[in-house]
Amino acid sequence: MICPECNAEYLDHMKDCGDCKVTLVDACAVDLPVPEMTWSALPPFSGKIYADMAAEILDKNDIPYYLKTNWSSSAFAIEAASLPGDVVRIFVPEASFEKASQFVGSITEKN
């Protein structure tokens, strides 16, 4: 359930918004705008293990990201090991780029 005024989300059993005092509507019925976001690439990581370490740091600091692996890793679902020359890219919102770079800098420098 979602408030049509302030867009706050509620559990399904709730009927009214606690702030706006209006009747909630089914979230599927609301056409919320999707914010436009520009993504920036962090320096490449040599292998999935280093990229996973960086992703864990970004998760802990609430920085959104997405990982882009090369074709061979994706096609063969290789998770635990890296192939020679395997490069993983991590993209973060442009607004979080500096902060993300500081957090994962120690991983990319050793990489």
Protein backbone atom coordinates (compact mmCIF):
# COMPACT_ATOMS: atom_id res chain seq x y z
CA MET A 1 0.00 0.00 0.00
CA ILE A 2 1.17 3.50 -0.75
CA CYS A 3 0.05 7.03 0.11
CA PRO A 4 -1.04 8.92 -3.02
CA GLU A 5 0.03 12.21 -1.39
CA CYS A 6 3.50 11.61 0.06
CA ASN A 7 4.31 8.25 -1.63
CA ALA A 8 5.15 6.62 1.72
CA GLU A 9 4.95 2.82 1.62
CA TYR A 10 2.87 0.84 4.10
CA LEU A 11 2.21 -2.81 4.83
CA ASP A 12 -0.82 -4.32 3.10
CA HIS A 13 -2.99 -4.33 6.24
CA MET A 14 -2.73 -0.54 6.71
CA LYS A 15 -5.61 1.57 5.35
CA ASP A 16 -4.69 5.23 6.01
CA CYS A 17 -1.49 7.29 5.81
CA GLY A 18 -0.25 8.21 9.29
CA ASP A 19 0.99 11.61 8.11
CA CYS A 20 -1.47 12.72 5.41
CA LYS A 21 -4.60 11.04 6.86
CA VAL A 22 -5.70 9.93 3.36
CA THR A 23 -6.75 6.47 2.21
CA LEU A 24 -3.86 4.36 0.91
CA VAL A 25 -3.94 2.85 -2.57
CA ASP A 26 -2.45 -0.31 -4.01
CA ALA A 27 1.17 0.41 -4.95
CA CYS A 28 0.68 -1.23 -8.36
CA ALA A 29 -1.95 1.37 -9.25
CA VAL A 30 0.37 4.33 -8.68
CA ASP A 31 2.57 5.47 -11.54
CA LEU A 32 5.57 6.83 -9.63
CA PRO A 33 8.24 8.66 -11.62
CA VAL A 34 11.54 6.85 -11.97
CA PRO A 35 14.37 9.26 -11.21
CA GLU A 36 16.94 9.66 -13.95
CA MET A 37 20.39 8.63 -12.79
CA THR A 38 23.79 9.03 -14.40
CA TRP A 39 26.20 6.19 -13.63
CA SER A 40 29.98 6.48 -13.40
CA ALA A 41 32.49 3.62 -13.63
CA LEU A 42 34.96 2.99 -10.84
CA PRO A 43 38.42 1.80 -11.92
CA PRO A 44 38.28 -1.80 -13.24
CA PHE A 45 38.81 -4.74 -10.91
CA SER A 46 40.99 -7.70 -11.88
CA GLY A 47 38.62 -10.51 -11.08
CA LYS A 48 35.33 -11.06 -9.35
CA ILE A 49 36.84 -11.57 -5.89
CA TYR A 50 38.12 -7.98 -5.70
CA ALA A 51 34.87 -6.65 -7.17
CA ASP A 52 32.86 -8.58 -4.57
CA MET A 53 35.00 -7.07 -1.82
CA ALA A 54 34.29 -3.59 -3.18
CA ALA A 55 30.58 -4.37 -3.54
CA GLU A 56 30.43 -5.42 0.11
CA ILE A 57 31.99 -2.11 1.15
CA LEU A 58 29.50 -0.18 -1.00
CA ASP A 59 26.61 -2.17 0.50
CA LYS A 60 27.74 -1.36 4.04
CA ASN A 61 27.86 2.34 3.14
CA ASP A 62 24.46 2.37 1.38
CA ILE A 63 25.91 3.29 -2.02
CA PRO A 64 23.91 1.84 -4.91
CA TYR A 65 25.92 0.09 -7.63
CA TYR A 66 25.82 -2.49 -10.34
CA LEU A 67 28.50 -4.92 -11.49
CA LYS A 68 29.32 -5.66 -15.10
CA THR A 69 31.37 -8.76 -15.80
CA ASN A 70 32.79 -9.94 -19.08
CA TRP A 71 30.92 -12.38 -21.28
CA SER A 72 32.81 -15.54 -20.31
CA SER A 73 32.20 -15.13 -16.57
CA SER A 74 28.51 -14.49 -17.16
CA ALA A 75 28.03 -17.27 -19.70
CA PHE A 76 29.75 -19.96 -17.67
CA ALA A 77 28.51 -18.72 -14.25
CA ILE A 78 32.03 -18.67 -12.86
CA GLU A 79 31.78 -17.25 -9.35
CA ALA A 80 34.60 -18.52 -7.15
CA ALA A 81 37.58 -18.05 -9.44
CA SER A 82 38.74 -15.53 -11.98
CA LEU A 83 39.74 -16.26 -15.51
CA PRO A 84 43.03 -14.77 -16.77
CA GLY A 85 42.37 -11.23 -17.94
CA ASP A 86 38.94 -11.20 -16.29
CA VAL A 87 37.84 -7.60 -15.68
CA VAL A 88 34.85 -6.54 -13.61
CA ARG A 89 33.46 -3.01 -13.71
CA ILE A 90 31.42 -1.42 -10.93
CA PHE A 91 29.16 1.50 -11.74
CA VAL A 92 27.85 3.91 -9.09
CA PRO A 93 25.59 6.97 -9.33
CA GLU A 94 27.57 10.02 -10.37
CA ALA A 95 26.54 11.77 -7.13
CA SER A 96 28.18 8.96 -5.08
CA PHE A 97 31.30 8.58 -7.22
CA GLU A 98 33.77 10.45 -4.97
CA LYS A 99 32.56 8.74 -1.82
CA ALA A 100 32.61 5.30 -3.48
CA SER A 101 36.11 5.92 -4.87
CA GLN A 102 37.40 6.70 -1.38
CA PHE A 103 35.86 3.55 0.10
CA VAL A 104 37.15 1.13 -2.54
CA GLY A 105 40.39 2.93 -3.39
CA SER A 106 42.53 0.58 -1.31
CA ILE A 107 41.20 -2.40 -3.28
CA THR A 108 41.75 -0.87 -6.71
CA GLU A 109 45.26 0.35 -5.84
CA LYS A 110 46.44 -3.15 -4.87
CA ASN A 111 44.60 -4.70 -7.77
